[in-house]
């Protein structure tokens, strides 16, 4: 359950050096947390308001390939500079201020400096969660899939979307789009893995190609459409990410980046 096993003493060296840490939706009663399913699954790092990181990597030994169980950990993370960093900064501050008991962060120029990156790549930061009316990342995925003319490439460790989502992929494949889905060959949750295999198998008759990642554990959440647009973020293609978790993704509108992401799949 995320950082549930992390005790206060584990954060003591960090806090002793002046760091601040807050729990997201902490339990009010011992061993009881009615909001356990609503996890903050976002992975955001912002440095000086100018450099942002977002993607699939958490902080832990297994994400560095040090786990004997999983071995090599395959993930995808983005480094972003430019105006899109402001959206990541804002998302972090909103999350922090919603949970912090003290040390609230102000919305001032210290955290939102002028950025003159000279960049030309379009990046849209999308976030979703159970506190919002619309499932924005899910709808973003669906929009991208339905717009595909030539190819769709998907990487997701968990593939348990609803039937409408599966149907959108089938429609694309039956319409002549080259659809490729990569899932892990090594499960971290056997029950979830079984559901992932079942859903992936249901697409084969429509012409979808399904691949297993064999070189360790696949944790990447990547979508590439027509070598033109792409998505990298924290949202898996499953019900939990679409409706229960708090997630954040970067939608990228650039052919060069889309091609690089496809080549890395």
Protein backbone atom coordinates (compact mmCIF):
# COMPACT_ATOMS: atom_id res chain seq x y z
CA UNK A 1 0.00 0.00 0.00
CA UNK A 2 2.46 2.62 -1.13
CA UNK A 3 4.30 4.16 1.83
CA UNK A 4 2.03 2.63 4.46
CA UNK A 5 4.97 0.78 6.00
CA UNK A 6 7.05 3.96 6.30
CA UNK A 7 7.33 5.00 9.94
CA UNK A 8 8.02 8.46 11.32
CA UNK A 9 11.52 7.44 12.35
CA UNK A 10 12.24 6.60 8.74
CA UNK A 11 11.65 10.25 7.85
CA UNK A 12 13.57 11.61 10.83
CA UNK A 13 16.91 12.15 8.99
CA UNK A 14 15.03 13.96 6.22
CA UNK A 15 13.18 16.20 8.67
CA UNK A 16 16.28 16.79 10.77
CA UNK A 17 17.86 18.35 7.68
CA UNK A 18 14.91 20.72 7.28
CA UNK A 19 12.71 18.63 4.98
CA UNK A 20 8.92 18.57 5.20
CA UNK A 21 6.78 15.49 4.68
CA UNK A 22 3.02 14.91 4.80
CA UNK A 23 0.86 11.81 4.48
CA UNK A 24 -1.89 11.79 1.86
CA UNK A 25 -5.30 10.82 3.31
CA UNK A 26 -3.80 9.53 6.58
CA UNK A 27 -5.83 7.14 8.70
CA UNK A 28 -7.75 8.88 11.48
CA UNK A 29 -8.29 5.62 13.37
CA UNK A 30 -5.77 2.82 13.98
CA UNK A 31 -5.90 0.19 11.20
CA UNK A 32 -8.96 1.86 9.64
CA UNK A 33 -8.83 4.10 6.59
CA UNK A 34 -12.06 4.52 4.65
CA UNK A 35 -10.15 6.30 1.87
CA UNK A 36 -7.54 3.58 1.42
CA UNK A 37 -8.53 3.05 -2.21
CA UNK A 38 -8.10 6.72 -3.09
CA UNK A 39 -4.33 6.84 -3.37
CA UNK A 40 -2.15 9.66 -4.59
CA UNK A 41 -0.43 7.75 -7.39
CA UNK A 42 1.15 10.89 -8.87
CA UNK A 43 4.93 11.04 -9.16
CA UNK A 44 5.96 14.68 -9.46
CA UNK A 45 9.33 16.35 -8.91
CA UNK A 46 9.81 20.08 -9.56
CA UNK A 47 13.19 21.75 -9.11
CA UNK A 48 13.37 25.54 -8.67
CA UNK A 49 10.11 25.86 -10.60
CA UNK A 50 12.09 25.32 -13.82
CA UNK A 51 12.62 21.57 -14.23
CA UNK A 52 9.90 18.98 -13.84
CA UNK A 53 9.83 15.19 -13.78
CA UNK A 54 6.79 12.98 -14.27
CA UNK A 55 6.25 9.36 -15.21
CA UNK A 56 6.17 5.90 -13.72
CA UNK A 57 9.13 5.86 -11.32
CA UNK A 58 8.46 5.81 -7.59
CA UNK A 59 11.16 6.06 -4.91
CA UNK A 60 12.35 2.65 -3.74
CA UNK A 61 14.98 -0.02 -4.23
CA UNK A 62 12.86 -2.06 -6.64
CA UNK A 63 12.63 0.91 -9.03
CA UNK A 64 16.42 0.88 -9.24
CA UNK A 65 16.45 -2.79 -10.20
CA UNK A 66 17.61 -3.90 -6.73
CA UNK A 67 14.69 -6.24 -6.04
CA UNK A 68 15.49 -9.95 -6.24
CA UNK A 69 11.83 -10.65 -7.01
CA UNK A 70 11.50 -8.31 -10.00
CA UNK A 71 15.07 -7.81 -11.19
CA UNK A 72 15.41 -5.17 -13.90
CA UNK A 73 12.69 -2.52 -13.64
CA UNK A 74 11.52 -1.10 -16.98
CA UNK A 75 9.86 2.29 -16.67
CA UNK A 76 9.43 5.58 -18.53
CA UNK A 77 9.92 9.03 -17.01
CA UNK A 78 10.06 12.51 -18.55
CA UNK A 79 12.25 15.50 -17.81
CA UNK A 80 10.39 18.68 -18.76
CA UNK A 81 11.50 22.31 -18.98
CA UNK A 82 9.38 25.23 -20.06
CA UNK A 83 5.85 26.39 -19.36
CA UNK A 84 4.53 22.87 -18.71
CA UNK A 85 6.54 22.81 -15.48
CA UNK A 86 4.12 25.39 -14.07
CA UNK A 87 1.29 22.88 -14.39
CA UNK A 88 3.27 20.24 -12.50
CA UNK A 89 4.18 22.79 -9.83
CA UNK A 90 0.56 23.84 -9.45
CA UNK A 91 -0.58 20.22 -9.21
CA UNK A 92 1.93 19.53 -6.44
CA UNK A 93 1.02 22.66 -4.49
CA UNK A 94 -2.70 21.88 -4.71
CA UNK A 95 -2.07 18.37 -3.43
CA UNK A 96 0.26 19.54 -0.69
CA UNK A 97 -2.01 22.29 0.60
CA UNK A 98 -4.99 19.92 0.65
CA UNK A 99 -3.18 17.66 3.14
CA UNK A 100 -0.64 19.78 5.02
CA UNK A 101 -1.41 20.55 8.64
CA UNK A 102 1.11 23.40 8.50
CA UNK A 103 3.73 24.87 6.16
CA UNK A 104 1.25 25.60 3.38
CA UNK A 105 2.85 26.70 0.11
CA UNK A 106 1.98 30.09 -1.36
CA UNK A 107 1.30 30.68 -5.04
CA UNK A 108 4.02 33.26 -5.67
CA UNK A 109 6.89 33.93 -8.05
CA UNK A 110 9.27 31.87 -5.93
CA UNK A 111 7.57 28.72 -7.18
CA UNK A 112 6.49 30.04 -10.57
CA UNK A 113 9.51 31.89 -12.01
CA UNK A 114 9.59 33.24 -15.54
CA UNK A 115 10.79 30.46 -17.82
CA UNK A 116 12.33 31.27 -21.20
CA UNK A 117 13.18 27.81 -22.48
CA UNK A 118 12.71 28.62 -26.15
CA UNK A 119 11.08 25.23 -26.53
CA UNK A 120 8.79 24.33 -29.40
CA UNK A 121 7.33 21.04 -28.14
CA UNK A 122 3.70 21.08 -27.08
CA UNK A 123 3.17 19.43 -23.67
CA UNK A 124 -0.16 19.27 -21.87
CA UNK A 125 -0.29 18.20 -18.21
CA UNK A 126 -3.50 16.36 -17.38
CA UNK A 127 -4.53 15.21 -13.93
CA UNK A 128 -7.49 13.23 -12.70
CA UNK A 129 -8.84 11.85 -9.47
CA UNK A 130 -11.97 10.92 -7.53
CA UNK A 131 -12.39 14.58 -6.56
CA UNK A 132 -13.08 15.57 -10.18
CA UNK A 133 -16.25 15.24 -12.24
CA UNK A 134 -14.51 14.03 -15.41
CA UNK A 135 -12.05 11.17 -15.88
CA UNK A 136 -9.70 13.44 -17.80
CA UNK A 137 -6.80 11.06 -18.39
CA UNK A 138 -9.10 8.23 -19.44
CA UNK A 139 -10.88 10.55 -21.87
CA UNK A 140 -7.50 11.73 -23.14
CA UNK A 141 -6.48 8.14 -23.82
CA UNK A 142 -9.77 7.47 -25.61
CA UNK A 143 -9.42 10.61 -27.73
CA UNK A 144 -5.93 9.60 -28.78
CA UNK A 145 -6.95 6.02 -29.59
CA UNK A 146 -9.99 7.10 -31.59
CA UNK A 147 -7.88 9.58 -33.59
CA UNK A 148 -5.33 6.96 -34.68
CA UNK A 149 -4.99 6.47 -38.43
CA UNK A 150 -1.90 4.25 -38.68
CA UNK A 151 -0.60 2.88 -35.39
CA UNK A 152 -1.15 2.58 -31.65
CA UNK A 153 1.56 1.48 -29.21
CA UNK A 154 0.65 0.84 -25.57
CA UNK A 155 2.73 -0.13 -22.55
CA UNK A 156 0.96 -0.72 -19.25
CA UNK A 157 1.73 -3.01 -16.30
CA UNK A 158 -1.99 -3.42 -15.64
CA UNK A 159 -4.53 -3.64 -18.44
CA UNK A 160 -8.01 -3.77 -16.92
CA UNK A 161 -10.09 -0.99 -18.54
CA UNK A 162 -13.85 -1.07 -18.95
CA UNK A 163 -15.58 -2.66 -21.93
CA UNK A 164 -16.05 0.66 -23.74
CA UNK A 165 -12.30 1.24 -23.60
CA UNK A 166 -11.59 -2.27 -24.91
CA UNK A 167 -14.12 -1.71 -27.69
CA UNK A 168 -12.37 1.50 -28.76
CA UNK A 169 -9.15 -0.48 -29.24
CA UNK A 170 -10.99 -3.21 -31.15
CA UNK A 171 -12.62 -0.63 -33.42
CA UNK A 172 -9.22 0.89 -34.21
CA UNK A 173 -7.71 -2.51 -35.02
CA UNK A 174 -10.68 -3.61 -37.13
CA UNK A 175 -10.40 -0.31 -39.00
CA UNK A 176 -6.87 -1.14 -40.13
CA UNK A 177 -4.83 0.56 -37.41
CA UNK A 178 -1.72 -1.37 -36.33
CA UNK A 179 -2.35 -1.86 -32.59
CA UNK A 180 0.45 -3.14 -30.34
CA UNK A 181 0.13 -3.70 -26.58
CA UNK A 182 2.97 -4.67 -24.25
CA UNK A 183 2.29 -6.06 -20.77
CA UNK A 184 4.56 -7.69 -18.17
CA UNK A 185 5.44 -11.36 -18.28
CA UNK A 186 6.31 -11.28 -14.58
CA UNK A 187 3.35 -10.39 -12.31
CA UNK A 188 3.60 -8.36 -9.11
CA UNK A 189 -0.06 -9.08 -8.27
CA UNK A 190 -1.21 -12.51 -9.57
CA UNK A 191 -4.95 -11.73 -9.50
CA UNK A 192 -4.47 -8.46 -11.38
CA UNK A 193 -2.10 -10.17 -13.80
CA UNK A 194 -4.73 -12.79 -14.60
CA UNK A 195 -7.26 -10.07 -15.41
CA UNK A 196 -4.67 -8.30 -17.57
CA UNK A 197 -4.03 -11.48 -19.57
CA UNK A 198 -7.75 -12.08 -20.04
CA UNK A 199 -8.39 -8.56 -21.33
CA UNK A 200 -5.39 -8.62 -23.65
CA UNK A 201 -6.46 -12.00 -25.05
CA UNK A 202 -9.94 -10.64 -25.78
CA UNK A 203 -8.40 -8.26 -28.33
CA UNK A 204 -6.47 -10.83 -30.36
CA UNK A 205 -9.35 -11.77 -32.66
CA UNK A 206 -9.63 -8.11 -33.69
CA UNK A 207 -6.03 -8.16 -34.90
CA UNK A 208 -4.39 -6.53 -31.89
CA UNK A 209 -0.81 -7.69 -31.27
CA UNK A 210 0.05 -8.41 -27.63
CA UNK A 211 3.63 -8.72 -26.39
CA UNK A 212 5.10 -9.82 -23.05
CA UNK A 213 8.06 -7.96 -21.57
CA UNK A 214 10.54 -10.63 -20.50
CA UNK A 215 13.56 -8.67 -19.26
CA UNK A 216 12.30 -7.97 -15.73
CA UNK A 217 9.17 -6.09 -14.71
CA UNK A 218 7.38 -3.62 -16.98
CA UNK A 219 6.00 -0.60 -15.11
CA UNK A 220 5.91 1.95 -17.96
CA UNK A 221 2.65 3.75 -18.78
CA UNK A 222 3.16 4.90 -22.36
CA UNK A 223 0.87 5.50 -25.32
CA UNK A 224 2.10 6.50 -28.80
CA UNK A 225 -0.25 7.34 -31.68
CA UNK A 226 0.77 7.55 -35.37
CA UNK A 227 4.34 8.62 -34.46
CA UNK A 228 2.83 12.05 -33.77
CA UNK A 229 1.42 12.28 -30.25
CA UNK A 230 2.22 10.42 -27.04
CA UNK A 231 1.41 10.13 -23.37
CA UNK A 232 3.70 9.35 -20.45
CA UNK A 233 2.58 9.47 -16.86
CA UNK A 234 1.35 7.64 -13.81
CA UNK A 235 -2.02 6.35 -15.03
CA UNK A 236 -2.29 2.67 -15.83
CA UNK A 237 -4.98 1.47 -18.19
CA UNK A 238 -7.24 0.17 -15.46
CA UNK A 239 -10.26 1.09 -13.40
CA UNK A 240 -8.18 2.05 -10.37
CA UNK A 241 -6.19 4.68 -12.26
CA UNK A 242 -9.22 5.99 -14.12
CA UNK A 243 -11.62 6.40 -11.18
CA UNK A 244 -9.99 5.78 -7.78
CA UNK A 245 -6.43 7.08 -7.84
CA UNK A 246 -5.09 10.61 -8.14
CA UNK A 247 -3.00 10.54 -11.34
CA UNK A 248 -1.04 12.88 -13.62
CA UNK A 249 0.09 12.44 -17.24
CA UNK A 250 1.94 14.46 -19.84
CA UNK A 251 0.41 14.50 -23.32
CA UNK A 252 3.11 15.31 -25.86
CA UNK A 253 2.42 16.75 -29.32
CA UNK A 254 5.69 16.22 -31.18
CA UNK A 255 6.69 13.74 -33.88
CA UNK A 256 10.32 13.43 -32.81
CA UNK A 257 9.47 12.64 -29.19
CA UNK A 258 6.69 10.26 -30.23
CA UNK A 259 9.12 8.35 -32.46
CA UNK A 260 11.74 8.16 -29.70
CA UNK A 261 9.19 6.81 -27.26
CA UNK A 262 8.05 4.19 -29.77
CA UNK A 263 11.62 3.10 -30.40
CA UNK A 264 12.14 2.69 -26.65
CA UNK A 265 9.12 0.41 -26.26
